[in-house]
Amino acid sequence: MTIADYLREQGRLAGEREGRLAGEREGRLEGQRSTLLKLLRLRFGELPEPVVARVRAADAAQIEGWTERVLTSPTLDDVLIDR
């Protein structure tokens, strides 16, 4: 194996690792979204489709903030307010 072959192989392996880690991050985020939707339904009842779509499109920081407010906010709008 030449040095060039070795470096190509290392690059390929690094790319596979990065792809696996990205998949794991996305999987965790999807789990957090599902949990938040469940909590919102338990607290506020059936959710309007725009709310479900908004949660499904949210990033990790938004999900975290909304999850922190789900038990203390009096209304669904108060949970989902952008601060």
C-alpha atoms as a PDB file:
ATOM      1  CA  MET A   1       0.000   0.000   0.000  1.00  0.00           C
ATOM      2  CA  THR A   2       1.365   3.401  -0.949  1.00  0.00           C
ATOM      3  CA  ILE A   3       1.154   6.477   1.238  1.00  0.00           C
ATOM      4  CA  ALA A   4      -1.446   7.888  -1.146  1.00  0.00           C
ATOM      5  CA  ASP A   5      -3.547   4.720  -0.797  1.00  0.00           C
ATOM      6  CA  TYR A   6      -3.220   4.889   2.980  1.00  0.00           C
ATOM      7  CA  LEU A   7      -4.287   8.552   3.076  1.00  0.00           C
ATOM      8  CA  ARG A   8      -7.272   7.890   0.794  1.00  0.00           C
ATOM      9  CA  GLU A   9      -8.353   5.016   3.043  1.00  0.00           C
ATOM     10  CA  GLN A  10      -8.023   7.187   6.154  1.00  0.00           C
ATOM     11  CA  GLY A  11     -10.117   9.877   4.477  1.00  0.00           C
ATOM     12  CA  ARG A  12     -12.769   7.358   3.528  1.00  0.00           C
ATOM     13  CA  LEU A  13     -12.917   5.998   7.090  1.00  0.00           C
ATOM     14  CA  ALA A  14     -13.132   9.505   8.532  1.00  0.00           C
ATOM     15  CA  GLY A  15     -16.026  10.290   6.191  1.00  0.00           C
ATOM     16  CA  GLU A  16     -17.865   7.149   7.280  1.00  0.00           C
ATOM     17  CA  ARG A  17     -17.383   8.066  10.948  1.00  0.00           C
ATOM     18  CA  GLU A  18     -18.649  11.595  10.347  1.00  0.00           C
ATOM     19  CA  GLY A  19     -21.698  10.281   8.504  1.00  0.00           C
ATOM     20  CA  ARG A  20     -22.457   7.872  11.334  1.00  0.00           C
ATOM     21  CA  LEU A  21     -22.147  10.655  13.929  1.00  0.00           C
ATOM     22  CA  ALA A  22     -24.405  12.950  11.903  1.00  0.00           C
ATOM     23  CA  GLY A  23     -26.979  10.175  11.705  1.00  0.00           C
ATOM     24  CA  GLU A  24     -26.822   9.655  15.452  1.00  0.00           C
ATOM     25  CA  ARG A  25     -27.287  13.400  16.082  1.00  0.00           C
ATOM     26  CA  GLU A  26     -30.286  13.506  13.752  1.00  0.00           C
ATOM     27  CA  GLY A  27     -31.737  10.435  15.448  1.00  0.00           C
ATOM     28  CA  ARG A  28     -31.430  12.031  18.889  1.00  0.00           C
ATOM     29  CA  LEU A  29     -33.012  15.244  17.615  1.00  0.00           C
ATOM     30  CA  GLU A  30     -35.915  13.309  16.079  1.00  0.00           C
ATOM     31  CA  GLY A  31     -36.436  11.565  19.423  1.00  0.00           C
ATOM     32  CA  GLN A  32     -36.487  14.917  21.220  1.00  0.00           C
ATOM     33  CA  ARG A  33     -39.016  16.255  18.717  1.00  0.00           C
ATOM     34  CA  SER A  34     -41.273  13.226  19.233  1.00  0.00           C
ATOM     35  CA  THR A  35     -41.051  13.560  23.009  1.00  0.00           C
ATOM     36  CA  LEU A  36     -41.899  17.260  22.858  1.00  0.00           C
ATOM     37  CA  LEU A  37     -44.908  16.589  20.632  1.00  0.00           C
ATOM     38  CA  LYS A  38     -46.123  13.954  23.081  1.00  0.00           C
ATOM     39  CA  LEU A  39     -45.742  16.335  26.030  1.00  0.00           C
ATOM     40  CA  LEU A  40     -47.532  19.112  24.159  1.00  0.00           C
ATOM     41  CA  ARG A  41     -50.443  16.785  23.304  1.00  0.00           C
ATOM     42  CA  LEU A  42     -50.729  15.606  26.901  1.00  0.00           C
ATOM     43  CA  ARG A  43     -50.718  19.171  28.197  1.00  0.00           C
ATOM     44  CA  PHE A  44     -52.759  20.999  25.544  1.00  0.00           C
ATOM     45  CA  GLY A  45     -54.708  18.327  23.657  1.00  0.00           C
ATOM     46  CA  GLU A  46     -54.745  17.797  19.904  1.00  0.00           C
ATOM     47  CA  LEU A  47     -52.196  20.017  18.181  1.00  0.00           C
ATOM     48  CA  PRO A  48     -52.854  22.073  15.052  1.00  0.00           C
ATOM     49  CA  GLU A  49     -50.909  20.782  12.031  1.00  0.00           C
ATOM     50  CA  PRO A  50     -48.845  24.006  11.737  1.00  0.00           C
ATOM     51  CA  VAL A  51     -47.583  23.446  15.290  1.00  0.00           C
ATOM     52  CA  VAL A  52     -46.618  19.845  14.511  1.00  0.00           C
ATOM     53  CA  ALA A  53     -44.817  20.992  11.351  1.00  0.00           C
ATOM     54  CA  ARG A  54     -43.019  23.725  13.279  1.00  0.00           C
ATOM     55  CA  VAL A  55     -41.777  21.266  15.904  1.00  0.00           C
ATOM     56  CA  ARG A  56     -40.702  18.768  13.225  1.00  0.00           C
ATOM     57  CA  ALA A  57     -38.653  21.509  11.515  1.00  0.00           C
ATOM     58  CA  ALA A  58     -37.113  22.953  14.699  1.00  0.00           C
ATOM     59  CA  ASP A  59     -33.439  22.781  15.522  1.00  0.00           C
ATOM     60  CA  ALA A  60     -31.982  21.408  18.750  1.00  0.00           C
ATOM     61  CA  ALA A  61     -31.870  24.783  20.535  1.00  0.00           C
ATOM     62  CA  GLN A  62     -35.553  25.488  19.815  1.00  0.00           C
ATOM     63  CA  ILE A  63     -36.583  22.010  20.959  1.00  0.00           C
ATOM     64  CA  GLU A  64     -34.631  22.429  24.185  1.00  0.00           C
ATOM     65  CA  GLY A  65     -36.183  25.809  24.948  1.00  0.00           C
ATOM     66  CA  TRP A  66     -39.713  24.631  24.211  1.00  0.00           C
ATOM     67  CA  THR A  67     -39.263  21.484  26.271  1.00  0.00           C
ATOM     68  CA  GLU A  68     -38.111  23.579  29.229  1.00  0.00           C
ATOM     69  CA  ARG A  69     -41.325  25.641  29.036  1.00  0.00           C
ATOM     70  CA  VAL A  70     -43.877  22.909  28.371  1.00  0.00           C
ATOM     71  CA  LEU A  71     -44.813  22.357  32.026  1.00  0.00           C
ATOM     72  CA  THR A  72     -44.789  25.974  33.161  1.00  0.00           C
ATOM     73  CA  SER A  73     -46.379  27.880  30.285  1.00  0.00           C
ATOM     74  CA  PRO A  74     -50.130  28.434  30.533  1.00  0.00           C
ATOM     75  CA  THR A  75     -50.770  28.239  26.778  1.00  0.00           C
ATOM     76  CA  LEU A  76     -49.355  26.491  23.735  1.00  0.00           C
ATOM     77  CA  ASP A  77     -48.425  29.874  22.263  1.00  0.00           C
ATOM     78  CA  ASP A  78     -46.410  30.667  25.401  1.00  0.00           C
ATOM     79  CA  VAL A  79     -44.431  27.448  25.000  1.00  0.00           C
ATOM     80  CA  LEU A  80     -43.583  28.110  21.358  1.00  0.00           C
ATOM     81  CA  ILE A  81     -42.729  31.793  21.618  1.00  0.00           C
ATOM     82  CA  ASP A  82     -39.260  32.553  20.243  1.00  0.00           C
ATOM     83  CA  ARG A  83     -37.143  34.205  22.894  1.00  0.00           C
END
